[in-house]
Amino acid sequence: MTVHLKFRSMDLEAMTGAADVPNGATVEQAVNQYLAAQGAELSGENLRQSMILVNRMAVRADQVLQDGDEVMVLRSVEAG
């Protein structure tokens, strides 16, 4: 099945596209698969600390995806 991914953060802003994932894949699995194919990564902890939207509804990283879902990962900005 195909899901569409968008990332909104300083370091992953240019990462937007589609991924073919197996049926029953979770948000975390889809994100990891897509980013690995792009030569990037996002740790599980960073993903869980991000706001995740699927079809504009807030979900957790363990949300099971459906064909055609749109996943948006909004990473918080950290000040130092």
PDB file of N, CA and C in Angstrom:
ATOM      1  N   MET A   1       0.846  -1.171   0.000  1.00  0.00           N
ATOM      2  CA  MET A   1       0.000   0.000   0.000  1.00  0.00           C
ATOM      3  C   MET A   1       0.890   1.231   0.000  1.00  0.00           C
ATOM      4  N   THR A   2       0.361   2.325  -0.475  1.00  0.00           N
ATOM      5  CA  THR A   2       1.127   3.563  -0.577  1.00  0.00           C
ATOM      6  C   THR A   2       0.632   4.571   0.448  1.00  0.00           C
ATOM      7  N   VAL A   3       1.580   5.178   1.175  1.00  0.00           N
ATOM      8  CA  VAL A   3       1.264   6.272   2.089  1.00  0.00           C
ATOM      9  C   VAL A   3       2.115   7.469   1.690  1.00  0.00           C
ATOM     10  N   HIS A   4       1.631   8.650   1.999  1.00  0.00           N
ATOM     11  CA  HIS A   4       2.313   9.894   1.654  1.00  0.00           C
ATOM     12  C   HIS A   4       2.849  10.507   2.937  1.00  0.00           C
ATOM     13  N   LEU A   5       4.110  10.932   2.909  1.00  0.00           N
ATOM     14  CA  LEU A   5       4.759  11.453   4.107  1.00  0.00           C
ATOM     15  C   LEU A   5       5.243  12.876   3.889  1.00  0.00           C
ATOM     16  N   LYS A   6       5.054  13.704   4.919  1.00  0.00           N
ATOM     17  CA  LYS A   6       5.552  15.079   4.922  1.00  0.00           C
ATOM     18  C   LYS A   6       6.203  15.321   6.271  1.00  0.00           C
ATOM     19  N   PHE A   7       7.344  15.990   6.244  1.00  0.00           N
ATOM     20  CA  PHE A   7       8.063  16.303   7.471  1.00  0.00           C
ATOM     21  C   PHE A   7       8.178  17.810   7.598  1.00  0.00           C
ATOM     22  N   ARG A   8       7.886  18.322   8.770  1.00  0.00           N
ATOM     23  CA  ARG A   8       7.991  19.750   9.035  1.00  0.00           C
ATOM     24  C   ARG A   8       8.950  19.935  10.204  1.00  0.00           C
ATOM     25  N   SER A   9      10.214  20.141   9.863  1.00  0.00           N
ATOM     26  CA  SER A   9      11.250  20.396  10.858  1.00  0.00           C
ATOM     27  C   SER A   9      12.449  20.983  10.131  1.00  0.00           C
ATOM     28  N   MET A  10      13.349  21.561  10.884  1.00  0.00           N
ATOM     29  CA  MET A  10      14.512  22.205  10.279  1.00  0.00           C
ATOM     30  C   MET A  10      15.360  21.226   9.466  1.00  0.00           C
ATOM     31  N   ASP A  11      15.615  20.048  10.003  1.00  0.00           N
ATOM     32  CA  ASP A  11      16.550  19.136   9.352  1.00  0.00           C
ATOM     33  C   ASP A  11      15.918  18.196   8.328  1.00  0.00           C
ATOM     34  N   LEU A  12      14.604  18.055   8.338  1.00  0.00           N
ATOM     35  CA  LEU A  12      13.952  17.123   7.410  1.00  0.00           C
ATOM     36  C   LEU A  12      12.961  17.817   6.480  1.00  0.00           C
ATOM     37  N   GLU A  13      13.032  19.144   6.386  1.00  0.00           N
ATOM     38  CA  GLU A  13      12.043  19.914   5.625  1.00  0.00           C
ATOM     39  C   GLU A  13      11.910  19.442   4.176  1.00  0.00           C
ATOM     40  N   ALA A  14      13.012  19.073   3.551  1.00  0.00           N
ATOM     41  CA  ALA A  14      12.965  18.688   2.140  1.00  0.00           C
ATOM     42  C   ALA A  14      12.454  17.267   1.934  1.00  0.00           C
ATOM     43  N   MET A  15      12.214  16.545   3.010  1.00  0.00           N
ATOM     44  CA  MET A  15      11.787  15.154   2.914  1.00  0.00           C
ATOM     45  C   MET A  15      10.267  15.069   2.803  1.00  0.00           C
ATOM     46  N   THR A  16       9.797  14.906   1.601  1.00  0.00           N
ATOM     47  CA  THR A  16       8.372  14.748   1.350  1.00  0.00           C
ATOM     48  C   THR A  16       8.227  13.780   0.188  1.00  0.00           C
ATOM     49  N   GLY A  17       7.368  12.789   0.355  1.00  0.00           N
ATOM     50  CA  GLY A  17       7.189  11.845  -0.730  1.00  0.00           C
ATOM     51  C   GLY A  17       6.273  10.710  -0.344  1.00  0.00           C
ATOM     52  N   ALA A  18       6.295   9.668  -1.143  1.00  0.00           N
ATOM     53  CA  ALA A  18       5.435   8.511  -0.919  1.00  0.00           C
ATOM     54  C   ALA A  18       6.295   7.294  -0.614  1.00  0.00           C
ATOM     55  N   ALA A  19       5.701   6.355   0.117  1.00  0.00           N
ATOM     56  CA  ALA A  19       6.388   5.105   0.436  1.00  0.00           C
ATOM     57  C   ALA A  19       5.421   3.949   0.249  1.00  0.00           C
ATOM     58  N   ASP A  20       5.932   2.873  -0.309  1.00  0.00           N
ATOM     59  CA  ASP A  20       5.162   1.633  -0.396  1.00  0.00           C
ATOM     60  C   ASP A  20       5.507   0.809   0.833  1.00  0.00           C
ATOM     61  N   VAL A  21       4.514   0.558   1.663  1.00  0.00           N
ATOM     62  CA  VAL A  21       4.717  -0.178   2.913  1.00  0.00           C
ATOM     63  C   VAL A  21       3.768  -1.366   2.941  1.00  0.00           C
ATOM     64  N   PRO A  22       4.100  -2.392   3.730  1.00  0.00           N
ATOM     65  CA  PRO A  22       3.214  -3.556   3.802  1.00  0.00           C
ATOM     66  C   PRO A  22       1.904  -3.232   4.509  1.00  0.00           C
ATOM     67  N   ASN A  23       0.859  -3.970   4.189  1.00  0.00           N
ATOM     68  CA  ASN A  23      -0.409  -3.818   4.909  1.00  0.00           C
ATOM     69  C   ASN A  23      -0.155  -4.018   6.391  1.00  0.00           C
ATOM     70  N   GLY A  24      -0.799  -3.210   7.216  1.00  0.00           N
ATOM     71  CA  GLY A  24      -0.634  -3.304   8.658  1.00  0.00           C
ATOM     72  C   GLY A  24       0.540  -2.516   9.202  1.00  0.00           C
ATOM     73  N   ALA A  25       1.251  -1.786   8.340  1.00  0.00           N
ATOM     74  CA  ALA A  25       2.396  -0.995   8.794  1.00  0.00           C
ATOM     75  C   ALA A  25       1.930   0.147   9.691  1.00  0.00           C
ATOM     76  N   THR A  26       2.767   0.468  10.672  1.00  0.00           N
ATOM     77  CA  THR A  26       2.476   1.587  11.571  1.00  0.00           C
ATOM     78  C   THR A  26       3.143   2.855  11.047  1.00  0.00           C
ATOM     79  N   VAL A  27       2.774   3.977  11.652  1.00  0.00           N
ATOM     80  CA  VAL A  27       3.415   5.246  11.311  1.00  0.00           C
ATOM     81  C   VAL A  27       4.924   5.119  11.484  1.00  0.00           C
ATOM     82  N   GLU A  28       5.358   4.588  12.621  1.00  0.00           N
ATOM     83  CA  GLU A  28       6.794   4.482  12.897  1.00  0.00           C
ATOM     84  C   GLU A  28       7.500   3.640  11.837  1.00  0.00           C
ATOM     85  N   GLN A  29       6.905   2.535  11.436  1.00  0.00           N
ATOM     86  CA  GLN A  29       7.514   1.687  10.412  1.00  0.00           C
ATOM     87  C   GLN A  29       7.596   2.417   9.075  1.00  0.00           C
ATOM     88  N   ALA A  30       6.537   3.111   8.701  1.00  0.00           N
ATOM     89  CA  ALA A  30       6.521   3.834   7.427  1.00  0.00           C
ATOM     90  C   ALA A  30       7.551   4.957   7.423  1.00  0.00           C
ATOM     91  N   VAL A  31       7.617   5.707   8.518  1.00  0.00           N
ATOM     92  CA  VAL A  31       8.588   6.803   8.619  1.00  0.00           C
ATOM     93  C   VAL A  31      10.006   6.252   8.529  1.00  0.00           C
ATOM     94  N   ASN A  32      10.306   5.215   9.290  1.00  0.00           N
ATOM     95  CA  ASN A  32      11.653   4.638   9.272  1.00  0.00           C
ATOM     96  C   ASN A  32      12.021   4.103   7.896  1.00  0.00           C
ATOM     97  N   GLN A  33      11.088   3.421   7.235  1.00  0.00           N
ATOM     98  CA  GLN A  33      11.356   2.877   5.902  1.00  0.00           C
ATOM     99  C   GLN A  33      11.625   3.998   4.912  1.00  0.00           C
ATOM    100  N   TYR A  34      10.789   5.035   4.925  1.00  0.00           N
ATOM    101  CA  TYR A  34      10.951   6.149   3.988  1.00  0.00           C
ATOM    102  C   TYR A  34      12.274   6.874   4.220  1.00  0.00           C
ATOM    103  N   LEU A  35      12.560   7.209   5.483  1.00  0.00           N
ATOM    104  CA  LEU A  35      13.783   7.953   5.775  1.00  0.00           C
ATOM    105  C   LEU A  35      15.031   7.136   5.460  1.00  0.00           C
ATOM    106  N   ALA A  36      15.009   5.836   5.735  1.00  0.00           N
ATOM    107  CA  ALA A  36      16.157   4.981   5.419  1.00  0.00           C
ATOM    108  C   ALA A  36      16.434   4.995   3.915  1.00  0.00           C
ATOM    109  N   ALA A  37      15.386   4.976   3.114  1.00  0.00           N
ATOM    110  CA  ALA A  37      15.549   5.016   1.658  1.00  0.00           C
ATOM    111  C   ALA A  37      16.134   6.354   1.198  1.00  0.00           C
ATOM    112  N   GLN A  38      15.947   7.404   2.000  1.00  0.00           N
ATOM    113  CA  GLN A  38      16.463   8.733   1.678  1.00  0.00           C
ATOM    114  C   GLN A  38      17.837   8.979   2.305  1.00  0.00           C
ATOM    115  N   GLY A  39      18.345   8.000   3.060  1.00  0.00           N
ATOM    116  CA  GLY A  39      19.635   8.160   3.720  1.00  0.00           C
ATOM    117  C   GLY A  39      19.564   9.015   4.969  1.00  0.00           C
ATOM    118  N   ALA A  40      18.393   9.062   5.595  1.00  0.00           N
ATOM    119  CA  ALA A  40      18.199   9.860   6.807  1.00  0.00           C
ATOM    120  C   ALA A  40      17.605   8.963   7.882  1.00  0.00           C
ATOM    121  N   GLU A  41      17.500   9.490   9.087  1.00  0.00           N
ATOM    122  CA  GLU A  41      16.864   8.722  10.158  1.00  0.00           C
ATOM    123  C   GLU A  41      16.255   9.669  11.180  1.00  0.00           C
ATOM    124  N   LEU A  42      15.327   9.132  11.934  1.00  0.00           N
ATOM    125  CA  LEU A  42      14.676   9.844  13.028  1.00  0.00           C
ATOM    126  C   LEU A  42      14.503   8.814  14.124  1.00  0.00           C
ATOM    127  N   SER A  43      15.151   9.013  15.253  1.00  0.00           N
ATOM    128  CA  SER A  43      15.089   8.001  16.311  1.00  0.00           C
ATOM    129  C   SER A  43      13.658   7.823  16.795  1.00  0.00           C
ATOM    130  N   GLY A  44      13.376   6.643  17.319  1.00  0.00           N
ATOM    131  CA  GLY A  44      12.043   6.369  17.849  1.00  0.00           C
ATOM    132  C   GLY A  44      11.643   7.363  18.913  1.00  0.00           C
ATOM    133  N   GLU A  45      12.595   7.758  19.760  1.00  0.00           N
ATOM    134  CA  GLU A  45      12.298   8.735  20.810  1.00  0.00           C
ATOM    135  C   GLU A  45      11.927  10.083  20.206  1.00  0.00           C
ATOM    136  N   ASN A  46      12.680  10.535  19.197  1.00  0.00           N
ATOM    137  CA  ASN A  46      12.355  11.800  18.545  1.00  0.00           C
ATOM    138  C   ASN A  46      11.007  11.733  17.845  1.00  0.00           C
ATOM    139  N   LEU A  47      10.687  10.589  17.267  1.00  0.00           N
ATOM    140  CA  LEU A  47       9.390  10.443  16.613  1.00  0.00           C
ATOM    141  C   LEU A  47       8.265  10.517  17.640  1.00  0.00           C
ATOM    142  N   ARG A  48       8.435   9.841  18.762  1.00  0.00           N
ATOM    143  CA  ARG A  48       7.398   9.867  19.797  1.00  0.00           C
ATOM    144  C   ARG A  48       7.236  11.252  20.417  1.00  0.00           C
ATOM    145  N   GLN A  49       8.275  12.085  20.361  1.00  0.00           N
ATOM    146  CA  GLN A  49       8.192  13.442  20.887  1.00  0.00           C
ATOM    147  C   GLN A  49       7.646  14.419  19.855  1.00  0.00           C
ATOM    148  N   SER A  50       7.444  13.955  18.649  1.00  0.00           N
ATOM    149  CA  SER A  50       6.908  14.792  17.578  1.00  0.00           C
ATOM    150  C   SER A  50       5.390  14.711  17.568  1.00  0.00           C
ATOM    151  N   MET A  51       4.768  15.710  16.963  1.00  0.00           N
ATOM    152  CA  MET A  51       3.331  15.621  16.716  1.00  0.00           C
ATOM    153  C   MET A  51       3.162  14.886  15.397  1.00  0.00           C
ATOM    154  N   ILE A  52       2.331  13.858  15.406  1.00  0.00           N
ATOM    155  CA  ILE A  52       2.089  13.053  14.212  1.00  0.00           C
ATOM    156  C   ILE A  52       0.630  13.215  13.819  1.00  0.00           C
ATOM    157  N   LEU A  53       0.413  13.560  12.571  1.00  0.00           N
ATOM    158  CA  LEU A  53      -0.942  13.672  12.037  1.00  0.00           C
ATOM    159  C   LEU A  53      -1.112  12.659  10.913  1.00  0.00           C
ATOM    160  N   VAL A  54      -2.215  11.954  10.929  1.00  0.00           N
ATOM    161  CA  VAL A  54      -2.591  11.088   9.813  1.00  0.00           C
ATOM    162  C   VAL A  54      -3.930  11.604   9.319  1.00  0.00           C
ATOM    163  N   ASN A  55      -3.939  12.034   8.071  1.00  0.00           N
ATOM    164  CA  ASN A  55      -5.143  12.635   7.486  1.00  0.00           C
ATOM    165  C   ASN A  55      -5.674  13.757   8.379  1.00  0.00           C
ATOM    166  N   ARG A  56      -4.727  14.562   8.889  1.00  0.00           N
ATOM    167  CA  ARG A  56      -5.004  15.760   9.704  1.00  0.00           C
ATOM    168  C   ARG A  56      -5.561  15.474  11.089  1.00  0.00           C
ATOM    169  N   MET A  57      -5.427  14.236  11.550  1.00  0.00           N
ATOM    170  CA  MET A  57      -5.858  13.881  12.905  1.00  0.00           C
ATOM    171  C   MET A  57      -4.637  13.417  13.693  1.00  0.00           C
ATOM    172  N   ALA A  58      -4.489  13.913  14.933  1.00  0.00           N
ATOM    173  CA  ALA A  58      -3.348  13.546  15.771  1.00  0.00           C
ATOM    174  C   ALA A  58      -3.419  12.066  16.140  1.00  0.00           C
ATOM    175  N   VAL A  59      -2.280  11.379  15.993  1.00  0.00           N
ATOM    176  CA  VAL A  59      -2.184   9.951  16.311  1.00  0.00           C
ATOM    177  C   VAL A  59      -0.842   9.685  16.987  1.00  0.00           C
ATOM    178  N   ARG A  60      -0.680   8.457  17.468  1.00  0.00           N
ATOM    179  CA  ARG A  60       0.595   8.018  18.038  1.00  0.00           C
ATOM    180  C   ARG A  60       1.402   7.280  16.973  1.00  0.00           C
ATOM    181  N   ALA A  61       2.671   7.050  17.271  1.00  0.00           N
ATOM    182  CA  ALA A  61       3.571   6.393  16.318  1.00  0.00           C
ATOM    183  C   ALA A  61       3.169   4.955  16.021  1.00  0.00           C
ATOM    184  N   ASP A  62       2.379   4.340  16.912  1.00  0.00           N
ATOM    185  CA  ASP A  62       1.971   2.951  16.685  1.00  0.00           C
ATOM    186  C   ASP A  62       0.646   2.830  15.924  1.00  0.00           C
ATOM    187  N   GLN A  63       0.150   3.944  15.396  1.00  0.00           N
ATOM    188  CA  GLN A  63      -1.086   3.946  14.603  1.00  0.00           C
ATOM    189  C   GLN A  63      -0.884   3.118  13.333  1.00  0.00           C
ATOM    190  N   VAL A  64      -1.788   2.189  13.063  1.00  0.00           N
ATOM    191  CA  VAL A  64      -1.739   1.388  11.835  1.00  0.00           C
ATOM    192  C   VAL A  64      -2.276   2.238  10.687  1.00  0.00           C
ATOM    193  N   LEU A  65      -1.569   2.202   9.577  1.00  0.00           N
ATOM    194  CA  LEU A  65      -1.919   3.017   8.418  1.00  0.00           C
ATOM    195  C   LEU A  65      -2.791   2.253   7.427  1.00  0.00           C
ATOM    196  N   GLN A  66      -3.502   3.021   6.618  1.00  0.00           N
ATOM    197  CA  GLN A  66      -4.324   2.488   5.536  1.00  0.00           C
ATOM    198  C   GLN A  66      -3.780   3.017   4.209  1.00  0.00           C
ATOM    199  N   ASP A  67      -4.076   2.322   3.133  1.00  0.00           N
ATOM    200  CA  ASP A  67      -3.639   2.749   1.809  1.00  0.00           C
ATOM    201  C   ASP A  67      -4.108   4.175   1.534  1.00  0.00           C
ATOM    202  N   GLY A  68      -3.187   5.020   1.073  1.00  0.00           N
ATOM    203  CA  GLY A  68      -3.515   6.393   0.714  1.00  0.00           C
ATOM    204  C   GLY A  68      -3.434   7.390   1.853  1.00  0.00           C
ATOM    205  N   ASP A  69      -3.140   6.940   3.072  1.00  0.00           N
ATOM    206  CA  ASP A  69      -3.042   7.862   4.207  1.00  0.00           C
ATOM    207  C   ASP A  69      -1.955   8.902   3.967  1.00  0.00           C
ATOM    208  N   GLU A  70      -2.182  10.097   4.518  1.00  0.00           N
ATOM    209  CA  GLU A  70      -1.185  11.160   4.500  1.00  0.00           C
ATOM    210  C   GLU A  70      -0.653  11.337   5.913  1.00  0.00           C
ATOM    211  N   VAL A  71       0.639  11.143   6.074  1.00  0.00           N
ATOM    212  CA  VAL A  71       1.298  11.248   7.376  1.00  0.00           C
ATOM    213  C   VAL A  71       2.112  12.531   7.399  1.00  0.00           C
ATOM    214  N   MET A  72       1.914  13.347   8.429  1.00  0.00           N
ATOM    215  CA  MET A  72       2.722  14.541   8.616  1.00  0.00           C
ATOM    216  C   MET A  72       3.387  14.455   9.981  1.00  0.00           C
ATOM    217  N   VAL A  73       4.702  14.640  10.002  1.00  0.00           N
ATOM    218  CA  VAL A  73       5.468  14.615  11.249  1.00  0.00           C
ATOM    219  C   VAL A  73       5.947  16.034  11.516  1.00  0.00           C
ATOM    220  N   LEU A  74       5.503  16.592  12.641  1.00  0.00           N
ATOM    221  CA  LEU A  74       5.865  17.949  13.041  1.00  0.00           C
ATOM    222  C   LEU A  74       6.801  17.851  14.232  1.00  0.00           C
ATOM    223  N   ARG A  75       8.059  18.141  14.006  1.00  0.00           N
ATOM    224  CA  ARG A  75       9.037  18.069  15.097  1.00  0.00           C
ATOM    225  C   ARG A  75       9.108  19.406  15.802  1.00  0.00           C
ATOM    226  N   SER A  76       9.154  19.350  17.115  1.00  0.00           N
ATOM    227  CA  SER A  76       9.221  20.577  17.900  1.00  0.00           C
ATOM    228  C   SER A  76      10.601  21.210  17.769  1.00  0.00           C
ATOM    229  N   VAL A  77      10.625  22.513  17.915  1.00  0.00           N
ATOM    230  CA  VAL A  77      11.875  23.263  17.863  1.00  0.00           C
ATOM    231  C   VAL A  77      12.427  23.360  19.271  1.00  0.00           C
ATOM    232  N   GLU A  78      13.694  23.026  19.424  1.00  0.00           N
ATOM    233  CA  GLU A  78      14.331  23.106  20.734  1.00  0.00           C
ATOM    234  C   GLU A  78      15.236  24.321  20.772  1.00  0.00           C
ATOM    235  N   ALA A  79      15.096  25.103  21.814  1.00  0.00           N
ATOM    236  CA  ALA A  79      15.959  26.269  22.008  1.00  0.00           C
ATOM    237  C   ALA A  79      17.047  25.924  23.009  1.00  0.00           C
ATOM    238  N   GLY A  80      18.188  26.551  22.876  1.00  0.00           N
ATOM    239  CA  GLY A  80      19.278  26.207  23.771  1.00  0.00           C
ATOM    240  C   GLY A  80      19.935  27.352  24.407  1.00  0.00           C
TER     241      GLY A  80
END
